[in-house]
Amino acid sequence: MRRTIGVGVGLLCVAACGGGGSTAPSDIIPLNTLPRITLPRIPPPTMPGWNLPRGWTVICQTGRVTSRSPGFAMPAGGTINFGGPVPCTWNRNGGQGSIGLASAATNPNGTRNTDIQPSGYRVTFPAGKVNDPAWDMYLTHTGGTGSYYVGWRQRWQPVGTYAAIVAAMHSSDSKVWAPKGPSDGDLTIMSWLAFNHTPVIGLDFQGVDEHSIPDNNETGAHGTIPVTRAMTLPGVAAGRGAWDQEEILIKSTGVTGTSSVTLFVNGKNVGTATGVTNATAWTASEQYLSRSVYGGAQAKSTYTDIDDVTIAVH
């Protein structure tokens, strides 16, 4: 005889099916006599670990950026606050593009968003422009001793292949951060730069050193390191709109020419350069979202999504 189980208030009733008969008292079992059943907890999906050292001063930490982020505010121009665990207010410093949310129904340039993401803000790089930033904003903060950390997640508009991204941008690299400091301490951090037709993470010191890390023209010389396969940004390389987690860690001794720079891709250390220049204190961070177009103009409008930004000094 088939039996069914039904749950009442405080009772578990096991009744015979069919016939419309009443439930026998011996078939009624108090719930408090049953053994407790604990269901296994299914953890949420996580990104690989971040590499911010302990004890550093966090200047900005956005978390996952949505319109519900604590303190979130993104007007058409001027002051922008992404909210988050450590809110940070940015002031627009120029640019020819537009900014909005990757989760919104409309893209920053007014087109319908057919590439909605759960979180992140989106910057549009307009077509027909040469070299100038799509969006440029500035955050002034305490300086620390010259050590600096920035970590973020980034993805590029899915256009099929990496080669298609390069063709659309008319550029082999894209900049995203420019920490500022005294004594020729300007520094450009690339979100990606091309090496043998493959995008890799990198940065470029300006002022004293004037060389890139990594740099295929100075492999191992002048404080730089050679390009390795581990430095590849798989999300950009695939060209299908996948996210990459990127980190730059500068550890300073306070003496010019003795800093180290470590690059991380998706949580993994992919190279450290030593004996490089440094600022005595990084006193501001500039999000300089631009493409290097020195000849011709950008072929079509493109966009990039940024999320999970953390900036810290020590």
Protein backbone atom coordinates (compact mmCIF):
# COMPACT_ATOMS: atom_id res chain seq x y z
CA MET A 1 0.00 0.00 0.00
CA ARG A 2 1.42 3.38 -1.03
CA ARG A 3 1.64 6.00 1.75
CA THR A 4 2.12 9.78 1.65
CA ILE A 5 3.67 12.16 4.16
CA GLY A 6 2.00 15.45 5.12
CA VAL A 7 3.19 18.04 7.65
CA GLY A 8 0.76 19.79 10.03
CA VAL A 9 1.44 22.26 12.81
CA GLY A 10 3.71 20.40 15.21
CA LEU A 11 2.74 16.96 13.82
CA LEU A 12 3.86 14.63 11.07
CA CYS A 13 0.84 12.76 9.70
CA VAL A 14 1.38 9.49 7.85
CA ALA A 15 -1.94 8.55 6.23
CA ALA A 16 -3.16 5.81 3.90
CA CYS A 17 -3.98 6.92 0.40
CA GLY A 18 -7.40 6.61 -1.16
CA GLY A 19 -10.71 5.50 0.37
CA GLY A 20 -11.28 8.74 2.31
CA GLY A 21 -10.73 6.98 5.69
CA SER A 22 -9.66 8.86 8.84
CA THR A 23 -6.09 8.91 10.18
CA ALA A 24 -5.38 6.45 12.98
CA PRO A 25 -3.94 7.93 16.22
CA SER A 26 -0.96 5.58 15.96
CA ASP A 27 -0.07 7.20 12.61
CA ILE A 28 0.36 10.68 14.15
CA ILE A 29 4.00 11.32 15.16
CA PRO A 30 4.99 14.48 17.14
CA LEU A 31 7.63 16.42 15.21
CA ASN A 32 9.76 17.01 18.31
CA THR A 33 10.47 13.29 18.49
CA LEU A 34 11.98 13.20 14.99
CA PRO A 35 15.79 13.46 14.49
CA ARG A 36 17.10 16.87 13.30
CA ILE A 37 18.23 16.96 9.70
CA THR A 38 20.94 19.51 8.86
CA LEU A 39 21.22 20.36 5.17
CA PRO A 40 24.74 21.04 3.86
CA ARG A 41 25.52 24.75 3.25
CA ILE A 42 26.34 25.48 -0.38
CA PRO A 43 28.89 28.29 -0.48
CA PRO A 44 28.45 31.05 -3.07
CA PRO A 45 30.86 31.12 -6.00
CA THR A 46 34.02 33.06 -5.18
CA MET A 47 36.85 34.70 -7.08
CA PRO A 48 40.44 33.66 -6.38
CA GLY A 49 42.05 35.39 -3.41
CA TRP A 50 43.13 39.01 -3.38
CA ASN A 51 46.65 40.00 -2.36
CA LEU A 52 46.28 43.19 -0.32
CA PRO A 53 48.82 42.98 2.54
CA ARG A 54 47.51 43.16 6.10
CA GLY A 55 47.72 46.44 7.96
CA TRP A 56 47.50 48.74 4.95
CA THR A 57 45.20 51.79 4.87
CA VAL A 58 42.32 51.19 2.47
CA ILE A 59 41.44 54.44 0.67
CA CYS A 60 38.68 53.08 -1.53
CA GLN A 61 36.83 49.76 -1.68
CA THR A 62 33.73 49.62 -3.86
CA GLY A 63 32.74 45.96 -3.58
CA ARG A 64 30.30 44.91 -6.29
CA VAL A 65 28.97 48.15 -7.79
CA THR A 66 25.20 48.45 -8.26
CA SER A 67 22.63 51.18 -7.71
CA ARG A 68 22.06 49.60 -4.28
CA SER A 69 25.68 50.04 -3.15
CA PRO A 70 25.75 51.99 0.16
CA GLY A 71 26.15 55.69 -0.62
CA PHE A 72 26.08 55.08 -4.37
CA ALA A 73 25.72 58.16 -6.59
CA MET A 74 26.61 58.46 -10.27
CA PRO A 75 25.43 61.71 -11.85
CA ALA A 76 26.03 62.61 -15.48
CA GLY A 77 29.19 64.50 -14.54
CA GLY A 78 31.10 66.02 -11.66
CA THR A 79 31.30 64.09 -8.38
CA ILE A 80 30.83 60.29 -8.44
CA ASN A 81 30.55 58.02 -5.38
CA PHE A 82 30.57 54.27 -5.97
CA GLY A 83 29.73 53.62 -2.32
CA GLY A 84 30.79 50.21 -1.00
CA PRO A 85 32.56 49.01 2.16
CA VAL A 86 34.96 52.00 2.01
CA PRO A 87 33.15 54.75 0.06
CA CYS A 88 35.28 57.04 -2.09
CA THR A 89 34.30 60.20 -3.90
CA TRP A 90 35.81 60.76 -7.33
CA ASN A 91 35.82 64.05 -9.25
CA ARG A 92 35.64 64.04 -13.02
CA ASN A 93 38.86 65.26 -14.60
CA GLY A 94 37.86 65.13 -18.26
CA GLY A 95 37.29 62.56 -21.00
CA GLN A 96 35.26 62.22 -24.17
CA GLY A 97 33.19 59.18 -23.25
CA SER A 98 30.37 58.41 -20.82
CA ILE A 99 29.86 56.38 -17.66
CA GLY A 100 26.98 54.33 -16.24
CA LEU A 101 26.09 50.99 -14.68
CA ALA A 102 26.73 47.67 -16.41
CA SER A 103 23.48 46.42 -14.81
CA ALA A 104 21.32 49.20 -16.26
CA ALA A 105 18.90 48.72 -19.16
CA THR A 106 20.64 51.47 -21.11
CA ASN A 107 24.33 51.84 -21.91
CA PRO A 108 26.16 55.06 -20.97
CA ASN A 109 25.97 56.26 -24.59
CA GLY A 110 22.18 55.84 -24.66
CA THR A 111 21.99 52.56 -26.59
CA ARG A 112 20.01 49.57 -25.30
CA ASN A 113 22.10 47.35 -23.03
CA THR A 114 22.12 43.83 -24.51
CA ASP A 115 25.12 42.88 -22.34
CA ILE A 116 23.73 43.36 -18.82
CA GLN A 117 26.10 42.37 -15.99
CA PRO A 118 25.12 41.74 -12.34
CA SER A 119 27.42 44.54 -11.14
CA GLY A 120 30.13 46.99 -12.18
CA TYR A 121 30.22 50.39 -13.83
CA ARG A 122 30.61 50.79 -17.59
CA VAL A 123 32.71 53.34 -19.48
CA THR A 124 32.13 53.95 -23.18
CA PHE A 125 35.05 54.71 -25.52
CA PRO A 126 33.51 56.74 -28.36
CA ALA A 127 34.41 56.13 -31.99
CA GLY A 128 36.35 58.65 -34.02
CA LYS A 129 38.64 59.77 -31.20
CA VAL A 130 42.43 59.80 -30.95
CA ASN A 131 44.30 58.87 -27.74
CA ASP A 132 42.28 61.04 -25.33
CA PRO A 133 40.68 59.36 -22.30
CA ALA A 134 37.18 58.01 -22.51
CA TRP A 135 36.65 58.87 -18.85
CA ASP A 136 39.07 60.51 -16.42
CA MET A 137 38.37 60.94 -12.69
CA TYR A 138 40.50 61.84 -9.71
CA LEU A 139 40.68 60.72 -6.05
CA THR A 140 42.95 62.61 -3.61
CA HIS A 141 43.96 60.67 -0.48
CA THR A 142 46.57 60.27 2.25
CA GLY A 143 49.98 59.37 0.91
CA GLY A 144 51.62 56.75 3.08
CA THR A 145 55.30 55.86 2.63
CA GLY A 146 55.34 55.20 -1.11
CA SER A 147 53.85 51.69 -1.06
CA TYR A 148 50.68 51.36 -3.11
CA TYR A 149 48.10 48.71 -3.97
CA VAL A 150 45.28 48.69 -6.49
CA GLY A 151 43.09 45.68 -7.27
CA TRP A 152 40.09 45.52 -9.59
CA ARG A 153 38.05 43.31 -11.88
CA GLN A 154 37.63 44.28 -15.51
CA ARG A 155 36.00 42.97 -18.66
CA TRP A 156 35.81 44.24 -22.22
CA GLN A 157 32.83 44.35 -24.51
CA PRO A 158 32.39 40.96 -26.20
CA VAL A 159 33.24 41.48 -29.86
CA GLY A 160 34.28 37.94 -30.82
CA THR A 161 38.08 37.88 -30.57
CA TYR A 162 40.93 39.87 -29.04
CA ALA A 163 41.96 40.88 -32.55
CA ALA A 164 38.50 42.39 -33.05
CA ILE A 165 38.90 44.43 -29.85
CA VAL A 166 42.27 45.73 -31.04
CA ALA A 167 40.79 46.58 -34.46
CA ALA A 168 37.82 48.39 -32.94
CA MET A 169 39.98 50.34 -30.49
CA HIS A 170 42.67 50.92 -33.12
CA SER A 171 45.09 50.41 -30.24
CA SER A 172 47.28 47.67 -28.81
CA ASP A 173 46.93 48.77 -25.18
CA SER A 174 44.54 50.40 -22.74
CA LYS A 175 45.28 52.41 -19.60
CA VAL A 176 43.17 52.37 -16.47
CA TRP A 177 45.05 53.81 -13.44
CA ALA A 178 47.55 56.61 -12.93
CA PRO A 179 48.72 56.95 -9.30
CA LYS A 180 50.15 60.39 -8.55
CA GLY A 181 53.04 61.40 -6.31
CA PRO A 182 55.83 63.94 -5.92
CA SER A 183 59.32 63.80 -7.49
CA ASP A 184 58.35 62.50 -10.92
CA GLY A 185 56.17 59.87 -9.31
CA ASP A 186 53.61 59.65 -12.10
CA LEU A 187 52.78 56.07 -13.00
CA THR A 188 50.46 54.58 -15.59
CA ILE A 189 48.98 51.16 -14.94
CA MET A 190 47.70 49.32 -17.97
CA SER A 191 44.60 47.20 -17.83
CA TRP A 192 46.22 45.38 -20.72
CA LEU A 193 49.00 45.83 -23.23
CA ALA A 194 49.78 43.70 -26.25
CA PHE A 195 52.70 41.31 -26.53
CA ASN A 196 52.87 38.97 -29.54
CA HIS A 197 49.17 39.63 -30.17
CA THR A 198 48.27 38.61 -26.62
CA PRO A 199 47.01 40.99 -23.91
CA VAL A 200 49.06 41.01 -20.70
CA ILE A 201 48.88 43.04 -17.50
CA GLY A 202 51.48 45.79 -17.17
CA LEU A 203 52.44 49.28 -16.09
CA ASP A 204 54.66 52.11 -17.23
CA PHE A 205 56.73 54.38 -15.00
CA GLN A 206 56.96 57.93 -16.26
CA GLY A 207 59.51 60.50 -15.19
CA VAL A 208 62.65 58.93 -13.71
CA ASP A 209 62.61 55.41 -15.18
CA GLU A 210 60.54 55.80 -18.33
CA HIS A 211 60.16 52.10 -19.05
CA SER A 212 57.43 49.48 -18.93
CA ILE A 213 57.03 46.44 -16.67
CA PRO A 214 57.08 43.97 -18.30
CA ASP A 215 59.00 45.12 -21.37
CA ASN A 216 60.09 42.86 -24.20
CA ASN A 217 62.73 45.43 -25.19
CA GLU A 218 64.37 45.46 -21.76
CA THR A 219 64.00 41.90 -20.51
CA GLY A 220 65.63 41.88 -17.12
CA ALA A 221 67.39 45.22 -17.50
CA HIS A 222 66.69 48.59 -15.86
CA GLY A 223 64.34 47.16 -13.24
CA THR A 224 61.95 45.44 -15.62
CA ILE A 225 61.08 41.78 -16.20
CA PRO A 226 60.39 39.68 -19.29
CA VAL A 227 56.88 38.88 -20.45
CA THR A 228 55.63 35.42 -19.47
CA ARG A 229 52.58 33.41 -20.46
CA ALA A 230 51.25 33.73 -16.89
CA MET A 231 50.77 37.48 -17.40
CA THR A 232 48.11 36.89 -20.07
CA LEU A 233 44.66 38.30 -19.32
CA PRO A 234 42.41 35.40 -20.39
CA GLY A 235 39.17 37.39 -20.35
CA VAL A 236 40.46 39.95 -22.85
CA ALA A 237 42.29 37.31 -24.88
CA ALA A 238 39.07 35.32 -25.34
CA GLY A 239 37.28 38.42 -26.63
CA ARG A 240 33.94 37.14 -25.32
CA GLY A 241 33.42 39.48 -22.38
CA ALA A 242 34.90 37.44 -19.51
CA TRP A 243 36.12 39.09 -16.31
CA ASP A 244 39.80 39.34 -15.30
CA GLN A 245 40.96 40.07 -11.76
CA GLU A 246 44.02 42.33 -11.81
CA GLU A 247 46.29 43.66 -9.05
CA ILE A 248 49.36 45.87 -8.80
CA LEU A 249 51.42 45.94 -5.58
CA ILE A 250 54.25 48.46 -5.10
CA LYS A 251 56.39 47.95 -2.01
CA SER A 252 58.63 50.90 -1.22
CA THR A 253 61.67 51.16 1.02
CA GLY A 254 61.44 54.95 0.92
CA VAL A 255 64.63 55.19 -1.16
CA THR A 256 64.33 56.05 -4.85
CA GLY A 257 65.25 53.15 -7.12
CA THR A 258 64.67 50.38 -4.58
CA SER A 259 60.95 49.63 -4.82
CA SER A 260 59.48 46.35 -6.03
CA VAL A 261 56.44 45.95 -8.27
CA THR A 262 54.41 42.74 -8.29
CA LEU A 263 51.72 41.89 -10.86
CA PHE A 264 48.79 39.55 -10.15
CA VAL A 265 46.32 37.99 -12.60
CA ASN A 266 43.25 36.19 -11.23
CA GLY A 267 44.82 35.95 -7.78
CA LYS A 268 48.19 34.55 -8.89
CA ASN A 269 51.59 36.27 -8.69
CA VAL A 270 52.79 36.52 -12.31
CA GLY A 271 56.00 38.47 -11.80
CA THR A 272 57.96 40.87 -9.59
CA ALA A 273 60.34 43.58 -10.74
CA THR A 274 62.86 44.96 -8.22
CA GLY A 275 65.07 48.03 -8.04
CA VAL A 276 62.55 50.35 -9.66
CA THR A 277 61.67 53.96 -8.95
CA ASN A 278 59.01 55.12 -6.56
CA ALA A 279 57.24 58.17 -5.20
CA THR A 280 57.89 59.09 -1.57
CA ALA A 281 54.10 59.00 -1.22
CA TRP A 282 51.25 58.31 -3.63
CA THR A 283 48.87 61.16 -2.78
CA ALA A 284 46.19 60.64 -5.43
CA SER A 285 44.73 58.02 -7.74
CA GLU A 286 43.49 58.82 -11.22
CA GLN A 287 41.25 56.51 -13.18
CA TYR A 288 42.54 57.31 -16.61
CA LEU A 289 40.44 55.03 -18.79
CA SER A 290 41.97 55.56 -22.20
CA ARG A 291 43.28 53.84 -25.30
CA SER A 292 46.56 54.66 -26.98
CA VAL A 293 45.58 55.78 -30.47
CA TYR A 294 48.43 57.74 -32.02
CA GLY A 295 47.53 57.37 -35.67
CA GLY A 296 44.09 57.28 -37.21
CA ALA A 297 41.04 57.15 -34.93
CA GLN A 298 39.07 54.57 -32.97
CA ALA A 299 37.07 52.56 -35.48
CA LYS A 300 33.88 51.98 -33.44
CA SER A 301 32.37 52.70 -30.06
CA THR A 302 33.46 50.17 -27.41
CA TYR A 303 33.09 49.86 -23.65
CA THR A 304 34.75 48.31 -20.61
CA ASP A 305 33.28 47.26 -17.24
CA ILE A 306 35.11 47.86 -13.92
CA ASP A 307 34.16 46.34 -10.55
CA ASP A 308 35.53 45.42 -7.09
CA VAL A 309 38.00 48.31 -6.89
CA THR A 310 40.33 48.45 -3.87
CA ILE A 311 43.02 51.10 -3.40
CA ALA A 312 45.36 51.11 -0.39
CA VAL A 313 48.58 52.78 0.79
CA HIS A 314 51.08 51.98 3.52
